[in-house]
């Protein structure tokens, strides 16, 4: 059971989502509601949250407490809400290995975030098919592609779309710097809290001389990011991020 087993089969998944950030400040040609880092409470943002990286590969249990598989992926909407969990169920119920999609509202996460309980049983497993779930209907929504100038963003998806946690984790992070973007680090994790992404955990590159992981607000496509992009751009400068302290403990 490997984390990236669905990478190819779910690559084109889309959905009609909703929600947007208020327009307040411009980064290149991208407008977003920017949270000043002096007002950002990083410790509060991650308090009592769950690590997406820890949840992926965690045990999945049925209502009776039996381990029936593992978490394969987590599906998010573009405004950061958690939509569903993709679980790999295998080796029993006379169905062999298969994948199911469980709406987040039906998922119970352990207090430590090291496993989940889902309402999937032998009698109900067919109700959690990947491709009848409205979240994962591959052709349920059109994707609009638009040219975005400035900041090196290039061509991004401007229509609503769901994305997998594994499309986001590991992306390179850049900062605003002069006439372009400055390489900073990579996304190590995201914190899930109250059904949405509460913080993006960034590990600076060794060249920055910083140790630990730093928590930042989630901006998603409003900062120019798309699931197809290897870069996630933060609307902050080096001088602004120097005010932050590392946050290494989620929960």
C-alpha atoms as a PDB file:
ATOM      1  CA  UNK A   1       0.000   0.000   0.000  1.00  0.00           C
ATOM      2  CA  UNK A   2       1.936   3.014  -1.222  1.00  0.00           C
ATOM      3  CA  UNK A   3       1.142   6.695  -0.869  1.00  0.00           C
ATOM      4  CA  UNK A   4       1.363   7.498  -4.555  1.00  0.00           C
ATOM      5  CA  UNK A   5      -0.554   4.527  -5.977  1.00  0.00           C
ATOM      6  CA  UNK A   6      -3.355   6.823  -7.184  1.00  0.00           C
ATOM      7  CA  UNK A   7      -1.151   9.565  -8.627  1.00  0.00           C
ATOM      8  CA  UNK A   8      -1.847   8.671 -12.232  1.00  0.00           C
ATOM      9  CA  UNK A   9      -5.469   7.588 -11.936  1.00  0.00           C
ATOM     10  CA  UNK A  10      -6.603  10.693 -10.041  1.00  0.00           C
ATOM     11  CA  UNK A  11      -4.466  13.240 -11.871  1.00  0.00           C
ATOM     12  CA  UNK A  12      -7.346  14.803 -13.816  1.00  0.00           C
ATOM     13  CA  UNK A  13      -9.904  14.943 -11.013  1.00  0.00           C
ATOM     14  CA  UNK A  14     -11.950  18.121 -10.816  1.00  0.00           C
ATOM     15  CA  UNK A  15     -15.018  19.410  -9.017  1.00  0.00           C
ATOM     16  CA  UNK A  16     -17.200  22.464  -8.797  1.00  0.00           C
ATOM     17  CA  UNK A  17     -16.152  24.192  -5.586  1.00  0.00           C
ATOM     18  CA  UNK A  18     -16.894  27.509  -3.952  1.00  0.00           C
ATOM     19  CA  UNK A  19     -15.405  30.076  -1.646  1.00  0.00           C
ATOM     20  CA  UNK A  20     -12.863  32.827  -2.164  1.00  0.00           C
ATOM     21  CA  UNK A  21     -10.618  35.135  -0.251  1.00  0.00           C
ATOM     22  CA  UNK A  22     -11.435  38.813   0.086  1.00  0.00           C
ATOM     23  CA  UNK A  23      -9.351  40.995  -2.195  1.00  0.00           C
ATOM     24  CA  UNK A  24      -7.112  43.260  -0.199  1.00  0.00           C
ATOM     25  CA  UNK A  25      -3.523  43.297  -1.411  1.00  0.00           C
ATOM     26  CA  UNK A  26      -1.699  42.570  -4.645  1.00  0.00           C
ATOM     27  CA  UNK A  27       1.222  40.165  -5.112  1.00  0.00           C
ATOM     28  CA  UNK A  28       2.368  40.515  -8.731  1.00  0.00           C
ATOM     29  CA  UNK A  29      -0.963  40.296 -10.532  1.00  0.00           C
ATOM     30  CA  UNK A  30      -2.450  38.033  -7.841  1.00  0.00           C
ATOM     31  CA  UNK A  31      -4.789  39.579  -5.303  1.00  0.00           C
ATOM     32  CA  UNK A  32      -5.380  37.986  -1.920  1.00  0.00           C
ATOM     33  CA  UNK A  33      -6.298  38.747   1.636  1.00  0.00           C
ATOM     34  CA  UNK A  34      -2.776  38.848   3.049  1.00  0.00           C
ATOM     35  CA  UNK A  35      -2.318  38.229   6.776  1.00  0.00           C
ATOM     36  CA  UNK A  36       0.545  40.364   8.135  1.00  0.00           C
ATOM     37  CA  UNK A  37       2.999  38.048   9.855  1.00  0.00           C
ATOM     38  CA  UNK A  38       3.113  40.297  12.897  1.00  0.00           C
ATOM     39  CA  UNK A  39      -0.581  39.391  13.363  1.00  0.00           C
ATOM     40  CA  UNK A  40      -0.162  35.696  12.497  1.00  0.00           C
ATOM     41  CA  UNK A  41      -0.483  33.402  15.528  1.00  0.00           C
ATOM     42  CA  UNK A  42       1.435  30.365  14.281  1.00  0.00           C
ATOM     43  CA  UNK A  43       1.294  28.424  17.553  1.00  0.00           C
ATOM     44  CA  UNK A  44      -2.469  28.930  17.789  1.00  0.00           C
ATOM     45  CA  UNK A  45      -2.970  27.883  14.170  1.00  0.00           C
ATOM     46  CA  UNK A  46      -1.349  24.483  14.705  1.00  0.00           C
ATOM     47  CA  UNK A  47      -2.694  23.870  18.231  1.00  0.00           C
ATOM     48  CA  UNK A  48      -4.963  20.803  18.297  1.00  0.00           C
ATOM     49  CA  UNK A  49      -4.519  20.350  14.558  1.00  0.00           C
ATOM     50  CA  UNK A  50      -3.714  17.170  12.642  1.00  0.00           C
ATOM     51  CA  UNK A  51      -0.733  16.592  10.411  1.00  0.00           C
ATOM     52  CA  UNK A  52      -1.734  15.641   6.853  1.00  0.00           C
ATOM     53  CA  UNK A  53       1.620  13.922   6.375  1.00  0.00           C
ATOM     54  CA  UNK A  54       0.993  11.764   9.455  1.00  0.00           C
ATOM     55  CA  UNK A  55      -2.544  10.893   8.364  1.00  0.00           C
ATOM     56  CA  UNK A  56      -1.337   9.635   4.978  1.00  0.00           C
ATOM     57  CA  UNK A  57      -0.448   5.942   5.384  1.00  0.00           C
ATOM     58  CA  UNK A  58      -2.181   5.849   8.796  1.00  0.00           C
ATOM     59  CA  UNK A  59      -4.394   2.885   9.727  1.00  0.00           C
ATOM     60  CA  UNK A  60      -8.028   2.917   8.680  1.00  0.00           C
ATOM     61  CA  UNK A  61     -10.414   1.117  11.031  1.00  0.00           C
ATOM     62  CA  UNK A  62     -14.022   0.098  10.571  1.00  0.00           C
ATOM     63  CA  UNK A  63     -16.723   0.881  13.175  1.00  0.00           C
ATOM     64  CA  UNK A  64     -15.829  -2.269  15.127  1.00  0.00           C
ATOM     65  CA  UNK A  65     -12.194  -1.183  15.439  1.00  0.00           C
ATOM     66  CA  UNK A  66     -10.650  -3.637  12.991  1.00  0.00           C
ATOM     67  CA  UNK A  67      -7.886  -2.353  10.713  1.00  0.00           C
ATOM     68  CA  UNK A  68      -9.205  -2.569   7.151  1.00  0.00           C
ATOM     69  CA  UNK A  69      -6.593  -0.567   5.255  1.00  0.00           C
ATOM     70  CA  UNK A  70      -4.645   2.678   5.241  1.00  0.00           C
ATOM     71  CA  UNK A  71      -5.104   6.305   4.244  1.00  0.00           C
ATOM     72  CA  UNK A  72      -3.895   6.765   0.683  1.00  0.00           C
ATOM     73  CA  UNK A  73      -4.572  10.478   0.261  1.00  0.00           C
ATOM     74  CA  UNK A  74      -6.561  13.483   1.446  1.00  0.00           C
ATOM     75  CA  UNK A  75      -8.640  15.576  -0.962  1.00  0.00           C
ATOM     76  CA  UNK A  76      -8.891  19.339  -0.468  1.00  0.00           C
ATOM     77  CA  UNK A  77     -10.943  22.045  -2.161  1.00  0.00           C
ATOM     78  CA  UNK A  78      -9.072  25.056  -3.473  1.00  0.00           C
ATOM     79  CA  UNK A  79     -10.085  27.235  -0.537  1.00  0.00           C
ATOM     80  CA  UNK A  80      -8.481  24.692   1.783  1.00  0.00           C
ATOM     81  CA  UNK A  81     -11.500  22.747   3.022  1.00  0.00           C
ATOM     82  CA  UNK A  82     -11.058  19.006   3.519  1.00  0.00           C
ATOM     83  CA  UNK A  83     -13.405  17.151   1.191  1.00  0.00           C
ATOM     84  CA  UNK A  84     -12.636  13.466   1.620  1.00  0.00           C
ATOM     85  CA  UNK A  85     -10.153  10.768   2.520  1.00  0.00           C
ATOM     86  CA  UNK A  86      -9.011   8.203  -0.030  1.00  0.00           C
ATOM     87  CA  UNK A  87      -8.399   4.867   1.665  1.00  0.00           C
ATOM     88  CA  UNK A  88      -6.902   1.675   0.304  1.00  0.00           C
ATOM     89  CA  UNK A  89      -8.898  -1.297   1.548  1.00  0.00           C
ATOM     90  CA  UNK A  90      -7.396  -4.672   0.907  1.00  0.00           C
ATOM     91  CA  UNK A  91      -7.438  -8.418   1.212  1.00  0.00           C
ATOM     92  CA  UNK A  92     -10.846  -9.284   2.612  1.00  0.00           C
ATOM     93  CA  UNK A  93     -14.634  -9.080   2.056  1.00  0.00           C
ATOM     94  CA  UNK A  94     -14.051 -11.078  -1.165  1.00  0.00           C
ATOM     95  CA  UNK A  95     -13.230  -7.877  -3.042  1.00  0.00           C
ATOM     96  CA  UNK A  96      -9.432  -7.858  -2.979  1.00  0.00           C
ATOM     97  CA  UNK A  97      -7.567  -4.565  -2.885  1.00  0.00           C
ATOM     98  CA  UNK A  98      -9.608  -1.483  -3.749  1.00  0.00           C
ATOM     99  CA  UNK A  99      -9.821   2.229  -3.060  1.00  0.00           C
ATOM    100  CA  UNK A 100     -12.709   4.093  -1.503  1.00  0.00           C
ATOM    101  CA  UNK A 101     -13.542   7.747  -0.954  1.00  0.00           C
ATOM    102  CA  UNK A 102     -14.981   8.701   2.430  1.00  0.00           C
ATOM    103  CA  UNK A 103     -16.425  12.202   2.935  1.00  0.00           C
ATOM    104  CA  UNK A 104     -14.510  14.081   5.612  1.00  0.00           C
ATOM    105  CA  UNK A 105     -17.709  14.564   7.611  1.00  0.00           C
ATOM    106  CA  UNK A 106     -17.837  10.772   8.060  1.00  0.00           C
ATOM    107  CA  UNK A 107     -14.190  10.390   9.134  1.00  0.00           C
ATOM    108  CA  UNK A 108     -13.215  10.216  12.796  1.00  0.00           C
ATOM    109  CA  UNK A 109      -9.560  11.027  13.442  1.00  0.00           C
ATOM    110  CA  UNK A 110      -7.779   9.607  16.476  1.00  0.00           C
ATOM    111  CA  UNK A 111      -6.767  12.192  19.104  1.00  0.00           C
ATOM    112  CA  UNK A 112      -3.111  11.887  18.077  1.00  0.00           C
ATOM    113  CA  UNK A 113      -3.940  11.977  14.377  1.00  0.00           C
ATOM    114  CA  UNK A 114      -2.330   8.584  13.823  1.00  0.00           C
ATOM    115  CA  UNK A 115      -5.357   6.778  12.429  1.00  0.00           C
ATOM    116  CA  UNK A 116      -8.966   7.171  11.333  1.00  0.00           C
ATOM    117  CA  UNK A 117     -12.255   5.364  11.839  1.00  0.00           C
ATOM    118  CA  UNK A 118     -14.628   5.243   8.867  1.00  0.00           C
ATOM    119  CA  UNK A 119     -18.174   3.872   8.419  1.00  0.00           C
ATOM    120  CA  UNK A 120     -17.083   1.440   5.704  1.00  0.00           C
ATOM    121  CA  UNK A 121     -18.212  -2.166   6.158  1.00  0.00           C
ATOM    122  CA  UNK A 122     -18.613  -5.162   3.861  1.00  0.00           C
ATOM    123  CA  UNK A 123     -22.257  -4.163   3.390  1.00  0.00           C
ATOM    124  CA  UNK A 124     -21.570  -0.488   2.671  1.00  0.00           C
ATOM    125  CA  UNK A 125     -18.242  -0.511   0.815  1.00  0.00           C
ATOM    126  CA  UNK A 126     -19.979  -0.038  -2.555  1.00  0.00           C
ATOM    127  CA  UNK A 127     -21.358   3.280  -1.307  1.00  0.00           C
ATOM    128  CA  UNK A 128     -17.849   4.742  -1.220  1.00  0.00           C
ATOM    129  CA  UNK A 129     -16.808   4.220  -4.817  1.00  0.00           C
ATOM    130  CA  UNK A 130     -14.298   6.785  -6.076  1.00  0.00           C
ATOM    131  CA  UNK A 131     -16.114   7.858  -9.189  1.00  0.00           C
ATOM    132  CA  UNK A 132     -19.691   8.282  -8.061  1.00  0.00           C
ATOM    133  CA  UNK A 133     -18.666  10.553  -5.208  1.00  0.00           C
ATOM    134  CA  UNK A 134     -19.370  14.153  -6.276  1.00  0.00           C
ATOM    135  CA  UNK A 135     -15.987  15.162  -4.916  1.00  0.00           C
ATOM    136  CA  UNK A 136     -14.150  12.851  -7.274  1.00  0.00           C
ATOM    137  CA  UNK A 137     -16.194  12.969 -10.444  1.00  0.00           C
ATOM    138  CA  UNK A 138     -13.453  13.352 -13.020  1.00  0.00           C
ATOM    139  CA  UNK A 139     -15.506  15.375 -15.477  1.00  0.00           C
ATOM    140  CA  UNK A 140     -17.864  17.057 -13.043  1.00  0.00           C
ATOM    141  CA  UNK A 141     -16.513  20.527 -13.775  1.00  0.00           C
ATOM    142  CA  UNK A 142     -14.627  22.279 -16.517  1.00  0.00           C
ATOM    143  CA  UNK A 143     -11.179  23.624 -15.727  1.00  0.00           C
ATOM    144  CA  UNK A 144     -10.526  27.128 -16.978  1.00  0.00           C
ATOM    145  CA  UNK A 145      -6.935  27.946 -17.869  1.00  0.00           C
ATOM    146  CA  UNK A 146      -5.777  31.552 -17.751  1.00  0.00           C
ATOM    147  CA  UNK A 147      -2.530  33.399 -18.301  1.00  0.00           C
ATOM    148  CA  UNK A 148      -1.292  35.125 -15.154  1.00  0.00           C
ATOM    149  CA  UNK A 149       1.455  37.668 -15.646  1.00  0.00           C
ATOM    150  CA  UNK A 150       4.059  38.615 -13.088  1.00  0.00           C
ATOM    151  CA  UNK A 151       5.745  36.658 -10.322  1.00  0.00           C
ATOM    152  CA  UNK A 152       6.668  33.789 -12.606  1.00  0.00           C
ATOM    153  CA  UNK A 153       3.284  32.123 -12.160  1.00  0.00           C
ATOM    154  CA  UNK A 154       2.651  31.573 -15.868  1.00  0.00           C
ATOM    155  CA  UNK A 155      -0.344  29.501 -16.855  1.00  0.00           C
ATOM    156  CA  UNK A 156      -2.514  28.378 -13.950  1.00  0.00           C
ATOM    157  CA  UNK A 157      -5.927  26.853 -13.469  1.00  0.00           C
ATOM    158  CA  UNK A 158      -8.412  29.568 -12.604  1.00  0.00           C
ATOM    159  CA  UNK A 159     -11.490  27.375 -12.342  1.00  0.00           C
ATOM    160  CA  UNK A 160     -12.542  25.347  -9.267  1.00  0.00           C
ATOM    161  CA  UNK A 161     -10.681  22.098  -8.689  1.00  0.00           C
ATOM    162  CA  UNK A 162      -9.963  19.604  -5.957  1.00  0.00           C
ATOM    163  CA  UNK A 163      -6.393  18.631  -5.215  1.00  0.00           C
ATOM    164  CA  UNK A 164      -4.674  15.791  -3.397  1.00  0.00           C
ATOM    165  CA  UNK A 165      -2.444  16.332  -0.373  1.00  0.00           C
ATOM    166  CA  UNK A 166       0.376  14.612  -2.250  1.00  0.00           C
ATOM    167  CA  UNK A 167       0.129  17.242  -5.005  1.00  0.00           C
ATOM    168  CA  UNK A 168       0.913  19.893  -2.410  1.00  0.00           C
ATOM    169  CA  UNK A 169       3.341  18.308   0.028  1.00  0.00           C
ATOM    170  CA  UNK A 170       6.890  18.671  -1.204  1.00  0.00           C
ATOM    171  CA  UNK A 171       6.225  21.655  -3.482  1.00  0.00           C
ATOM    172  CA  UNK A 172       9.018  24.224  -3.553  1.00  0.00           C
ATOM    173  CA  UNK A 173       8.298  27.467  -1.725  1.00  0.00           C
ATOM    174  CA  UNK A 174       9.338  30.900  -2.936  1.00  0.00           C
ATOM    175  CA  UNK A 175       9.225  34.374  -1.415  1.00  0.00           C
ATOM    176  CA  UNK A 176       8.748  37.812  -2.917  1.00  0.00           C
ATOM    177  CA  UNK A 177      12.077  39.427  -3.672  1.00  0.00           C
ATOM    178  CA  UNK A 178      12.666  42.525  -5.762  1.00  0.00           C
ATOM    179  CA  UNK A 179      11.723  41.878  -9.379  1.00  0.00           C
ATOM    180  CA  UNK A 180      10.992  38.169  -8.999  1.00  0.00           C
ATOM    181  CA  UNK A 181      10.640  35.254  -6.645  1.00  0.00           C
ATOM    182  CA  UNK A 182      13.341  33.956  -4.293  1.00  0.00           C
ATOM    183  CA  UNK A 183      13.740  30.239  -3.557  1.00  0.00           C
ATOM    184  CA  UNK A 184      13.030  29.574   0.116  1.00  0.00           C
ATOM    185  CA  UNK A 185      12.282  25.927   0.973  1.00  0.00           C
ATOM    186  CA  UNK A 186       9.559  23.295   0.552  1.00  0.00           C
ATOM    187  CA  UNK A 187       6.170  22.359   1.978  1.00  0.00           C
ATOM    188  CA  UNK A 188       6.796  19.716   4.610  1.00  0.00           C
ATOM    189  CA  UNK A 189       3.249  19.370   5.913  1.00  0.00           C
ATOM    190  CA  UNK A 190      -0.142  21.024   6.273  1.00  0.00           C
ATOM    191  CA  UNK A 191      -2.155  21.274   9.464  1.00  0.00           C
ATOM    192  CA  UNK A 192      -5.821  20.277   9.325  1.00  0.00           C
ATOM    193  CA  UNK A 193      -8.106  21.917  11.848  1.00  0.00           C
ATOM    194  CA  UNK A 194     -11.875  22.464  11.916  1.00  0.00           C
ATOM    195  CA  UNK A 195     -12.206  20.809   8.528  1.00  0.00           C
ATOM    196  CA  UNK A 196      -9.742  22.968   6.613  1.00  0.00           C
ATOM    197  CA  UNK A 197      -6.079  23.777   6.161  1.00  0.00           C
ATOM    198  CA  UNK A 198      -5.142  25.879   9.177  1.00  0.00           C
ATOM    199  CA  UNK A 199      -1.443  26.290   8.362  1.00  0.00           C
ATOM    200  CA  UNK A 200       1.159  25.392   5.758  1.00  0.00           C
ATOM    201  CA  UNK A 201       4.349  23.987   7.292  1.00  0.00           C
ATOM    202  CA  UNK A 202       7.471  25.101   5.428  1.00  0.00           C
ATOM    203  CA  UNK A 203      11.011  23.793   5.888  1.00  0.00           C
ATOM    204  CA  UNK A 204      13.574  26.408   4.760  1.00  0.00           C
ATOM    205  CA  UNK A 205      16.420  25.332   2.526  1.00  0.00           C
ATOM    206  CA  UNK A 206      19.744  24.814   4.301  1.00  0.00           C
ATOM    207  CA  UNK A 207      21.095  27.897   2.534  1.00  0.00           C
ATOM    208  CA  UNK A 208      18.853  30.111   4.651  1.00  0.00           C
ATOM    209  CA  UNK A 209      20.629  29.094   7.823  1.00  0.00           C
ATOM    210  CA  UNK A 210      17.281  28.478   9.576  1.00  0.00           C
ATOM    211  CA  UNK A 211      16.389  25.276  11.397  1.00  0.00           C
ATOM    212  CA  UNK A 212      12.974  23.820  12.098  1.00  0.00           C
ATOM    213  CA  UNK A 213       9.623  24.161  10.370  1.00  0.00           C
ATOM    214  CA  UNK A 214       7.665  27.395  10.047  1.00  0.00           C
ATOM    215  CA  UNK A 215       3.877  27.757   9.904  1.00  0.00           C
ATOM    216  CA  UNK A 216       2.297  30.100   7.366  1.00  0.00           C
ATOM    217  CA  UNK A 217      -1.286  30.928   6.375  1.00  0.00           C
ATOM    218  CA  UNK A 218      -2.752  28.972   3.469  1.00  0.00           C
ATOM    219  CA  UNK A 219      -3.474  31.049   0.354  1.00  0.00           C
ATOM    220  CA  UNK A 220      -3.930  28.418  -2.361  1.00  0.00           C
ATOM    221  CA  UNK A 221      -4.665  29.641  -5.874  1.00  0.00           C
ATOM    222  CA  UNK A 222      -4.990  33.227  -4.689  1.00  0.00           C
ATOM    223  CA  UNK A 223      -1.206  33.307  -4.425  1.00  0.00           C
ATOM    224  CA  UNK A 224      -0.859  31.848  -7.921  1.00  0.00           C
ATOM    225  CA  UNK A 225      -0.523  28.173  -6.996  1.00  0.00           C
ATOM    226  CA  UNK A 226      -2.120  25.364  -8.982  1.00  0.00           C
ATOM    227  CA  UNK A 227      -1.925  21.587  -8.453  1.00  0.00           C
ATOM    228  CA  UNK A 228       0.175  21.297 -11.609  1.00  0.00           C
ATOM    229  CA  UNK A 229       2.778  23.744 -10.327  1.00  0.00           C
ATOM    230  CA  UNK A 230       5.898  22.623  -8.441  1.00  0.00           C
ATOM    231  CA  UNK A 231       6.104  26.066  -6.805  1.00  0.00           C
ATOM    232  CA  UNK A 232       4.106  27.588  -3.981  1.00  0.00           C
ATOM    233  CA  UNK A 233       4.691  31.327  -3.631  1.00  0.00           C
ATOM    234  CA  UNK A 234       4.270  33.094  -0.297  1.00  0.00           C
ATOM    235  CA  UNK A 235       3.365  36.810  -0.393  1.00  0.00           C
ATOM    236  CA  UNK A 236       6.137  37.729   2.053  1.00  0.00           C
ATOM    237  CA  UNK A 237       9.684  39.028   1.850  1.00  0.00           C
ATOM    238  CA  UNK A 238      12.765  37.752   3.612  1.00  0.00           C
ATOM    239  CA  UNK A 239      12.559  40.632   6.072  1.00  0.00           C
ATOM    240  CA  UNK A 240       8.975  39.708   6.975  1.00  0.00           C
ATOM    241  CA  UNK A 241       9.607  36.023   7.590  1.00  0.00           C
ATOM    242  CA  UNK A 242      12.544  36.724   9.891  1.00  0.00           C
ATOM    243  CA  UNK A 243       9.991  37.647  12.571  1.00  0.00           C
ATOM    244  CA  UNK A 244       8.698  34.087  12.785  1.00  0.00           C
ATOM    245  CA  UNK A 245       9.823  31.374  15.195  1.00  0.00           C
ATOM    246  CA  UNK A 246       9.834  27.694  14.171  1.00  0.00           C
ATOM    247  CA  UNK A 247       6.858  25.539  15.114  1.00  0.00           C
ATOM    248  CA  UNK A 248       7.816  21.869  15.227  1.00  0.00           C
ATOM    249  CA  UNK A 249       5.036  20.286  17.239  1.00  0.00           C
ATOM    250  CA  UNK A 250       1.577  19.890  15.707  1.00  0.00           C
ATOM    251  CA  UNK A 251      -1.238  19.140  18.120  1.00  0.00           C
END
